[in-house]
Amino acid sequence: MRTLVNPTGPIATVLKTNAPLFIKDVATSNLQRKDLAIKYGIGQIAFVPFEGGILEFGTSNGASTADWKEMPQCPTMPKAAMRRGFENLGASYNIFWAKKGDKFEAIADYTTEARKVSLMICDCQQSTESSLPKTSLSVQHSMSHCWLVMMSCPQEY
């Protein structure tokens, strides 16, 4: 009979310790799923506690991928504020900004399907907010990340 959970594996370890875990080289690890990871070209894996479970992310093998020297920082998202913006206030998109030097740069975003449809129907713009210029924002404090949850009408663009 096959054991489904390895009590000493990375997922169990992160669940027990509530601390992130980084496997720098999957090929030399003792992962239970090592052969499967290698088969699909997984080179490195990070395991992070996330909403009652574990978030796994990593790199692939090959010249066109990252090679992390250490586990990258995974920012904590303000999920309650984002949920409130979308569900209670009618937000239609969200922009993630990261501090680079003394400026914030938009590095990721999300647009609801309803917003995408609305933009297509009104023919104001043939794509989503993702195509908006990603400008920089000057800041005077030490914050490293921020999120912007927006409400807007298609006519604004």
N, C-alpha and C. Protein backbone atom coordinates (compact mmCIF):
# COMPACT_ATOMS: atom_id res chain seq x y z
N MET A 1 0.84 -1.18 0.00
CA MET A 1 0.00 0.00 0.00
C MET A 1 0.88 1.25 0.00
N ARG A 2 0.58 2.20 -0.86
CA ARG A 2 1.38 3.41 -0.99
C ARG A 2 0.96 4.45 0.05
N THR A 3 1.93 5.07 0.68
CA THR A 3 1.67 6.14 1.62
C THR A 3 1.46 7.44 0.85
N LEU A 4 0.36 8.12 1.10
CA LEU A 4 0.07 9.34 0.38
C LEU A 4 0.75 10.55 0.98
N VAL A 5 1.02 10.52 2.26
CA VAL A 5 1.64 11.66 2.92
C VAL A 5 2.97 11.23 3.52
N ASN A 6 4.01 11.96 3.18
CA ASN A 6 5.32 11.70 3.76
C ASN A 6 5.44 12.59 4.99
N PRO A 7 5.47 12.02 6.19
CA PRO A 7 5.48 12.84 7.41
C PRO A 7 6.74 13.69 7.57
N THR A 8 7.77 13.42 6.78
CA THR A 8 8.99 14.23 6.85
C THR A 8 9.21 15.04 5.57
N GLY A 9 8.26 14.98 4.67
CA GLY A 9 8.37 15.71 3.40
C GLY A 9 8.19 17.22 3.58
N PRO A 10 8.40 17.98 2.52
CA PRO A 10 8.34 19.44 2.63
C PRO A 10 6.96 19.98 3.00
N ILE A 11 5.91 19.39 2.49
CA ILE A 11 4.57 19.89 2.81
C ILE A 11 4.26 19.66 4.29
N ALA A 12 4.53 18.46 4.78
CA ALA A 12 4.30 18.17 6.20
C ALA A 12 5.18 19.05 7.08
N THR A 13 6.42 19.26 6.67
CA THR A 13 7.34 20.10 7.44
C THR A 13 6.84 21.53 7.55
N VAL A 14 6.39 22.09 6.43
CA VAL A 14 5.89 23.47 6.43
C VAL A 14 4.60 23.55 7.25
N LEU A 15 3.73 22.55 7.14
CA LEU A 15 2.51 22.55 7.95
C LEU A 15 2.83 22.50 9.44
N LYS A 16 3.83 21.68 9.81
CA LYS A 16 4.20 21.55 11.23
C LYS A 16 4.89 22.80 11.77
N THR A 17 5.78 23.38 10.97
CA THR A 17 6.60 24.50 11.46
C THR A 17 6.01 25.86 11.14
N ASN A 18 5.08 25.91 10.20
CA ASN A 18 4.51 27.17 9.71
C ASN A 18 5.62 28.11 9.19
N ALA A 19 6.69 27.51 8.67
CA ALA A 19 7.81 28.27 8.13
C ALA A 19 8.05 27.85 6.68
N PRO A 20 8.42 28.79 5.81
CA PRO A 20 8.72 28.45 4.42
C PRO A 20 9.90 27.48 4.31
N LEU A 21 9.94 26.76 3.20
CA LEU A 21 11.02 25.80 2.94
C LEU A 21 11.41 25.93 1.47
N PHE A 22 12.71 25.88 1.19
CA PHE A 22 13.22 26.05 -0.17
C PHE A 22 14.07 24.86 -0.55
N ILE A 23 13.79 24.26 -1.70
CA ILE A 23 14.61 23.18 -2.24
C ILE A 23 15.33 23.77 -3.44
N LYS A 24 16.63 24.00 -3.28
CA LYS A 24 17.42 24.67 -4.30
C LYS A 24 17.66 23.80 -5.53
N ASP A 25 17.76 22.49 -5.34
CA ASP A 25 18.02 21.59 -6.46
C ASP A 25 17.17 20.33 -6.31
N VAL A 26 16.09 20.26 -7.06
CA VAL A 26 15.17 19.12 -6.97
C VAL A 26 15.89 17.81 -7.29
N ALA A 27 16.78 17.83 -8.26
CA ALA A 27 17.45 16.60 -8.71
C ALA A 27 18.26 15.93 -7.60
N THR A 28 18.80 16.70 -6.67
CA THR A 28 19.60 16.11 -5.59
C THR A 28 18.84 16.02 -4.28
N SER A 29 17.54 16.30 -4.31
CA SER A 29 16.74 16.27 -3.08
C SER A 29 16.23 14.86 -2.80
N ASN A 30 15.59 14.70 -1.66
CA ASN A 30 14.96 13.42 -1.33
C ASN A 30 13.44 13.53 -1.38
N LEU A 31 12.93 14.39 -2.26
CA LEU A 31 11.48 14.56 -2.43
C LEU A 31 10.82 13.25 -2.82
N GLN A 32 9.66 12.99 -2.26
CA GLN A 32 8.89 11.80 -2.64
C GLN A 32 8.46 11.90 -4.10
N ARG A 33 8.19 13.12 -4.57
CA ARG A 33 7.74 13.32 -5.95
C ARG A 33 8.88 13.80 -6.86
N LYS A 34 10.11 13.52 -6.48
CA LYS A 34 11.28 13.98 -7.23
C LYS A 34 11.24 13.54 -8.70
N ASP A 35 10.94 12.29 -8.96
CA ASP A 35 10.93 11.80 -10.34
C ASP A 35 9.89 12.53 -11.18
N LEU A 36 8.75 12.81 -10.60
CA LEU A 36 7.70 13.54 -11.32
C LEU A 36 8.14 14.98 -11.59
N ALA A 37 8.75 15.62 -10.61
CA ALA A 37 9.25 16.99 -10.79
C ALA A 37 10.31 17.04 -11.88
N ILE A 38 11.24 16.10 -11.86
CA ILE A 38 12.28 16.06 -12.89
C ILE A 38 11.67 15.81 -14.26
N LYS A 39 10.70 14.90 -14.34
CA LYS A 39 10.04 14.60 -15.62
C LYS A 39 9.45 15.86 -16.25
N TYR A 40 8.90 16.75 -15.43
CA TYR A 40 8.26 17.96 -15.95
C TYR A 40 9.17 19.19 -15.88
N GLY A 41 10.47 18.97 -15.67
CA GLY A 41 11.45 20.04 -15.77
C GLY A 41 11.48 21.01 -14.61
N ILE A 42 11.06 20.59 -13.43
CA ILE A 42 11.08 21.46 -12.25
C ILE A 42 12.50 21.46 -11.68
N GLY A 43 13.08 22.65 -11.50
CA GLY A 43 14.45 22.76 -11.00
C GLY A 43 14.54 23.10 -9.52
N GLN A 44 13.71 24.04 -9.09
CA GLN A 44 13.70 24.49 -7.70
C GLN A 44 12.25 24.63 -7.24
N ILE A 45 12.02 24.42 -5.94
CA ILE A 45 10.66 24.55 -5.41
C ILE A 45 10.70 25.28 -4.07
N ALA A 46 9.77 26.20 -3.91
CA ALA A 46 9.57 26.88 -2.62
C ALA A 46 8.21 26.46 -2.09
N PHE A 47 8.12 26.22 -0.80
CA PHE A 47 6.88 25.84 -0.12
C PHE A 47 6.62 26.91 0.93
N VAL A 48 5.43 27.54 0.89
CA VAL A 48 5.11 28.64 1.79
C VAL A 48 3.74 28.39 2.42
N PRO A 49 3.59 28.58 3.75
CA PRO A 49 2.26 28.47 4.36
C PRO A 49 1.33 29.49 3.71
N PHE A 50 0.11 29.04 3.39
CA PHE A 50 -0.82 29.91 2.67
C PHE A 50 -2.25 29.49 2.93
N GLU A 51 -3.04 30.34 3.56
CA GLU A 51 -4.48 30.15 3.78
C GLU A 51 -4.87 28.72 4.14
N GLY A 52 -4.30 28.19 5.19
CA GLY A 52 -4.66 26.86 5.65
C GLY A 52 -4.05 25.74 4.83
N GLY A 53 -3.13 26.05 3.96
CA GLY A 53 -2.49 25.04 3.13
C GLY A 53 -1.07 25.46 2.81
N ILE A 54 -0.56 24.98 1.70
CA ILE A 54 0.80 25.28 1.27
C ILE A 54 0.77 25.77 -0.16
N LEU A 55 1.44 26.88 -0.42
CA LEU A 55 1.63 27.39 -1.77
C LEU A 55 2.98 26.89 -2.25
N GLU A 56 3.00 26.22 -3.41
CA GLU A 56 4.24 25.74 -4.00
C GLU A 56 4.50 26.55 -5.26
N PHE A 57 5.72 27.05 -5.40
CA PHE A 57 6.11 27.71 -6.64
C PHE A 57 7.59 27.43 -6.86
N GLY A 58 8.03 27.55 -8.09
CA GLY A 58 9.42 27.22 -8.35
C GLY A 58 9.89 27.65 -9.71
N THR A 59 11.00 27.07 -10.12
CA THR A 59 11.60 27.37 -11.41
C THR A 59 11.66 26.10 -12.25
N SER A 60 11.81 26.30 -13.53
CA SER A 60 12.00 25.15 -14.42
C SER A 60 13.48 25.03 -14.74
N ASN A 61 13.86 23.93 -15.35
CA ASN A 61 15.24 23.75 -15.79
C ASN A 61 15.40 24.40 -17.15
N GLY A 62 16.59 24.81 -17.47
CA GLY A 62 16.86 25.38 -18.78
C GLY A 62 17.45 26.77 -18.70
N ALA A 63 17.92 27.25 -19.83
CA ALA A 63 18.62 28.54 -19.89
C ALA A 63 17.69 29.73 -19.72
N SER A 64 16.41 29.57 -20.01
CA SER A 64 15.51 30.73 -19.98
C SER A 64 14.69 30.81 -18.70
N THR A 65 15.22 30.32 -17.60
CA THR A 65 14.51 30.37 -16.33
C THR A 65 15.39 31.02 -15.27
N ALA A 66 14.77 31.35 -14.15
CA ALA A 66 15.51 31.92 -13.03
C ALA A 66 16.34 30.84 -12.35
N ASP A 67 17.38 31.26 -11.68
CA ASP A 67 18.17 30.37 -10.83
C ASP A 67 18.29 31.08 -9.49
N TRP A 68 17.41 30.72 -8.57
CA TRP A 68 17.37 31.40 -7.28
C TRP A 68 18.53 30.95 -6.41
N LYS A 69 19.23 31.90 -5.83
CA LYS A 69 20.30 31.60 -4.87
C LYS A 69 19.69 31.27 -3.51
N GLU A 70 18.54 31.87 -3.24
CA GLU A 70 17.77 31.62 -2.01
C GLU A 70 16.30 31.78 -2.36
N MET A 71 15.44 31.38 -1.45
CA MET A 71 14.00 31.47 -1.72
C MET A 71 13.59 32.94 -1.87
N PRO A 72 12.90 33.26 -2.97
CA PRO A 72 12.45 34.65 -3.13
C PRO A 72 11.37 34.99 -2.11
N GLN A 73 11.31 36.25 -1.76
CA GLN A 73 10.29 36.70 -0.81
C GLN A 73 8.93 36.69 -1.51
N CYS A 74 7.97 36.12 -0.85
CA CYS A 74 6.60 36.07 -1.36
C CYS A 74 5.78 37.02 -0.51
N PRO A 75 5.40 38.19 -1.05
CA PRO A 75 4.70 39.17 -0.22
C PRO A 75 3.33 38.67 0.23
N THR A 76 2.94 39.09 1.41
CA THR A 76 1.63 38.76 1.93
C THR A 76 0.61 39.72 1.32
N MET A 77 -0.39 39.17 0.70
CA MET A 77 -1.41 40.01 0.06
C MET A 77 -2.48 40.39 1.07
N PRO A 78 -2.99 41.61 1.01
CA PRO A 78 -4.07 42.03 1.92
C PRO A 78 -5.41 41.48 1.43
N LYS A 79 -5.60 40.18 1.62
CA LYS A 79 -6.76 39.50 1.04
C LYS A 79 -8.09 40.06 1.53
N ALA A 80 -8.18 40.41 2.81
CA ALA A 80 -9.45 40.93 3.33
C ALA A 80 -9.82 42.26 2.65
N ALA A 81 -8.84 43.13 2.49
CA ALA A 81 -9.10 44.42 1.84
C ALA A 81 -9.45 44.22 0.36
N MET A 82 -8.75 43.30 -0.30
CA MET A 82 -9.05 43.04 -1.71
C MET A 82 -10.44 42.44 -1.85
N ARG A 83 -10.79 41.50 -0.99
CA ARG A 83 -12.12 40.89 -1.05
C ARG A 83 -13.20 41.94 -0.84
N ARG A 84 -12.98 42.81 0.14
CA ARG A 84 -13.95 43.89 0.42
C ARG A 84 -14.09 44.79 -0.81
N GLY A 85 -12.97 45.13 -1.44
CA GLY A 85 -13.01 45.97 -2.64
C GLY A 85 -13.82 45.34 -3.76
N PHE A 86 -13.60 44.05 -4.03
CA PHE A 86 -14.30 43.37 -5.12
C PHE A 86 -15.75 43.05 -4.75
N GLU A 87 -15.98 42.47 -3.57
CA GLU A 87 -17.31 42.00 -3.23
C GLU A 87 -18.24 43.07 -2.68
N ASN A 88 -17.73 43.99 -1.89
CA ASN A 88 -18.60 44.99 -1.26
C ASN A 88 -18.61 46.33 -1.97
N LEU A 89 -17.51 46.68 -2.61
CA LEU A 89 -17.42 48.01 -3.21
C LEU A 89 -17.49 48.00 -4.72
N GLY A 90 -17.54 46.82 -5.33
CA GLY A 90 -17.69 46.72 -6.78
C GLY A 90 -16.43 46.98 -7.57
N ALA A 91 -15.25 46.74 -6.98
CA ALA A 91 -14.00 46.95 -7.70
C ALA A 91 -13.96 46.05 -8.94
N SER A 92 -13.31 46.53 -9.97
CA SER A 92 -13.23 45.76 -11.20
C SER A 92 -11.81 45.37 -11.59
N TYR A 93 -10.81 45.94 -10.94
CA TYR A 93 -9.45 45.50 -11.18
C TYR A 93 -8.57 45.80 -9.97
N ASN A 94 -7.39 45.18 -9.97
CA ASN A 94 -6.46 45.27 -8.85
C ASN A 94 -5.06 45.37 -9.45
N ILE A 95 -4.24 46.25 -8.93
CA ILE A 95 -2.86 46.40 -9.41
C ILE A 95 -1.90 46.16 -8.25
N PHE A 96 -0.87 45.35 -8.49
CA PHE A 96 0.16 45.08 -7.49
C PHE A 96 1.39 45.90 -7.84
N TRP A 97 1.84 46.71 -6.89
CA TRP A 97 3.01 47.57 -7.07
C TRP A 97 4.13 47.06 -6.19
N ALA A 98 5.36 47.06 -6.68
CA ALA A 98 6.53 46.69 -5.88
C ALA A 98 7.52 47.84 -5.90
N LYS A 99 8.16 48.04 -4.78
CA LYS A 99 9.14 49.12 -4.67
C LYS A 99 10.44 48.69 -5.33
N LYS A 100 10.92 49.53 -6.24
CA LYS A 100 12.21 49.31 -6.91
C LYS A 100 12.98 50.61 -6.77
N GLY A 101 13.98 50.59 -5.93
CA GLY A 101 14.70 51.83 -5.63
C GLY A 101 13.81 52.72 -4.78
N ASP A 102 13.63 53.96 -5.22
CA ASP A 102 12.78 54.89 -4.48
C ASP A 102 11.42 55.07 -5.14
N LYS A 103 11.07 54.18 -6.07
CA LYS A 103 9.79 54.28 -6.77
C LYS A 103 9.03 52.95 -6.71
N PHE A 104 7.72 53.04 -6.84
CA PHE A 104 6.89 51.85 -6.99
C PHE A 104 6.64 51.63 -8.47
N GLU A 105 6.67 50.37 -8.91
CA GLU A 105 6.34 50.02 -10.29
C GLU A 105 5.23 48.98 -10.27
N ALA A 106 4.26 49.14 -11.18
CA ALA A 106 3.20 48.14 -11.31
C ALA A 106 3.80 46.90 -11.96
N ILE A 107 3.72 45.76 -11.25
CA ILE A 107 4.33 44.54 -11.78
C ILE A 107 3.31 43.43 -12.04
N ALA A 108 2.08 43.58 -11.56
CA ALA A 108 1.04 42.58 -11.82
C ALA A 108 -0.32 43.23 -11.64
N ASP A 109 -1.32 42.62 -12.26
CA ASP A 109 -2.68 43.15 -12.13
C ASP A 109 -3.69 42.05 -12.37
N TYR A 110 -4.92 42.33 -12.01
CA TYR A 110 -6.04 41.40 -12.22
C TYR A 110 -7.25 42.22 -12.63
N THR A 111 -7.95 41.77 -13.64
CA THR A 111 -9.18 42.41 -14.10
C THR A 111 -10.29 41.37 -14.11
N THR A 112 -11.44 41.71 -13.55
CA THR A 112 -12.56 40.77 -13.52
C THR A 112 -13.06 40.49 -14.94
N GLU A 113 -13.64 39.32 -15.12
CA GLU A 113 -14.21 38.98 -16.43
C GLU A 113 -15.31 39.96 -16.82
N ALA A 114 -16.13 40.37 -15.84
CA ALA A 114 -17.21 41.33 -16.12
C ALA A 114 -16.64 42.63 -16.66
N ARG A 115 -15.52 43.07 -16.10
CA ARG A 115 -14.87 44.30 -16.55
C ARG A 115 -14.37 44.14 -17.98
N LYS A 116 -13.75 43.00 -18.28
CA LYS A 116 -13.26 42.74 -19.64
C LYS A 116 -14.40 42.79 -20.65
N VAL A 117 -15.52 42.14 -20.31
CA VAL A 117 -16.69 42.13 -21.19
C VAL A 117 -17.21 43.55 -21.38
N SER A 118 -17.31 44.29 -20.29
CA SER A 118 -17.80 45.66 -20.34
C SER A 118 -16.94 46.52 -21.26
N LEU A 119 -15.65 46.36 -21.20
CA LEU A 119 -14.75 47.12 -22.06
C LEU A 119 -14.93 46.76 -23.52
N MET A 120 -15.14 45.49 -23.79
CA MET A 120 -15.35 45.06 -25.17
C MET A 120 -16.68 45.57 -25.72
N ILE A 121 -17.72 45.53 -24.89
CA ILE A 121 -19.04 45.97 -25.33
C ILE A 121 -19.05 47.45 -25.67
N CYS A 122 -18.45 48.25 -24.81
CA CYS A 122 -18.48 49.69 -25.05
C CYS A 122 -17.49 50.12 -26.12
N ASP A 123 -16.62 49.21 -26.54
CA ASP A 123 -15.66 49.48 -27.60
C ASP A 123 -14.75 50.65 -27.27
N CYS A 124 -14.61 50.93 -25.96
CA CYS A 124 -13.72 52.01 -25.55
C CYS A 124 -12.27 51.57 -25.61
N GLN A 125 -12.06 50.30 -25.35
CA GLN A 125 -10.70 49.78 -25.29
C GLN A 125 -10.79 48.30 -25.61
N GLN A 126 -9.94 47.78 -26.46
CA GLN A 126 -10.04 46.39 -26.89
C GLN A 126 -9.26 45.42 -26.00
N SER A 127 -8.81 45.89 -24.85
CA SER A 127 -8.13 45.01 -23.91
C SER A 127 -8.42 45.47 -22.49
N THR A 128 -7.75 44.89 -21.54
CA THR A 128 -8.02 45.19 -20.13
C THR A 128 -7.06 46.22 -19.59
N GLU A 129 -7.20 46.52 -18.32
CA GLU A 129 -6.28 47.45 -17.66
C GLU A 129 -4.85 46.97 -17.75
N SER A 130 -4.64 45.70 -18.06
CA SER A 130 -3.27 45.19 -18.18
C SER A 130 -2.49 45.95 -19.23
N SER A 131 -3.19 46.55 -20.20
CA SER A 131 -2.49 47.27 -21.25
C SER A 131 -2.28 48.74 -20.89
N LEU A 132 -2.77 49.17 -19.72
CA LEU A 132 -2.54 50.54 -19.30
C LEU A 132 -1.05 50.73 -19.07
N PRO A 133 -0.53 51.94 -19.31
CA PRO A 133 0.90 52.15 -19.08
C PRO A 133 1.27 51.85 -17.63
N LYS A 134 2.34 51.13 -17.45
CA LYS A 134 2.83 50.80 -16.11
C LYS A 134 3.80 51.90 -15.70
N THR A 135 3.31 52.95 -15.08
CA THR A 135 4.14 54.07 -14.70
C THR A 135 4.74 53.84 -13.32
N SER A 136 5.65 54.68 -12.94
CA SER A 136 6.26 54.60 -11.61
C SER A 136 5.59 55.59 -10.69
N LEU A 137 5.67 55.33 -9.40
CA LEU A 137 5.08 56.17 -8.37
C LEU A 137 6.15 56.47 -7.34
N SER A 138 6.46 57.76 -7.13
CA SER A 138 7.47 58.13 -6.13
C SER A 138 6.90 57.97 -4.73
N VAL A 139 7.70 57.47 -3.80
CA VAL A 139 7.26 57.29 -2.42
C VAL A 139 8.34 57.81 -1.48
N GLN A 140 7.94 58.20 -0.28
CA GLN A 140 8.87 58.75 0.70
C GLN A 140 8.97 57.85 1.93
N HIS A 141 8.55 56.60 1.86
CA HIS A 141 8.61 55.72 3.02
C HIS A 141 9.22 54.39 2.63
N SER A 142 9.34 53.46 3.59
CA SER A 142 10.09 52.24 3.36
C SER A 142 9.23 51.04 2.96
N MET A 143 7.98 51.24 2.66
CA MET A 143 7.09 50.14 2.28
C MET A 143 7.63 49.47 1.01
N SER A 144 7.57 48.14 0.95
CA SER A 144 8.11 47.44 -0.21
C SER A 144 7.06 47.00 -1.22
N HIS A 145 5.81 46.85 -0.81
CA HIS A 145 4.75 46.42 -1.72
C HIS A 145 3.46 47.15 -1.37
N CYS A 146 2.61 47.34 -2.34
CA CYS A 146 1.26 47.83 -2.04
C CYS A 146 0.32 47.35 -3.13
N TRP A 147 -0.94 47.31 -2.82
CA TRP A 147 -1.96 46.88 -3.76
C TRP A 147 -2.93 48.03 -3.94
N LEU A 148 -3.48 48.13 -5.12
CA LEU A 148 -4.47 49.14 -5.42
C LEU A 148 -5.68 48.42 -5.99
N VAL A 149 -6.79 48.50 -5.30
CA VAL A 149 -8.03 47.90 -5.80
C VAL A 149 -8.88 49.04 -6.32
N MET A 150 -9.28 48.96 -7.58
CA MET A 150 -9.94 50.08 -8.24
C MET A 150 -11.38 49.77 -8.62
N MET A 151 -12.19 50.80 -8.56
CA MET A 151 -13.54 50.76 -9.11
C MET A 151 -13.57 51.77 -10.23
N SER A 152 -14.16 51.40 -11.34
CA SER A 152 -14.23 52.36 -12.44
C SER A 152 -15.27 51.93 -13.45
N CYS A 153 -15.68 52.88 -14.24
CA CYS A 153 -16.61 52.62 -15.34
C CYS A 153 -15.83 52.62 -16.63
N PRO A 154 -16.24 51.81 -17.62
CA PRO A 154 -15.49 51.76 -18.88
C PRO A 154 -15.41 53.14 -19.54
N GLN A 155 -16.38 53.98 -19.33
CA GLN A 155 -16.39 55.28 -19.98
C GLN A 155 -15.23 56.17 -19.53
N GLU A 156 -14.60 55.83 -18.40
CA GLU A 156 -13.49 56.63 -17.91
C GLU A 156 -12.28 56.56 -18.82
N TYR A 157 -12.20 55.56 -19.65
CA TYR A 157 -11.03 55.38 -20.50
C TYR A 157 -11.37 55.78 -21.89
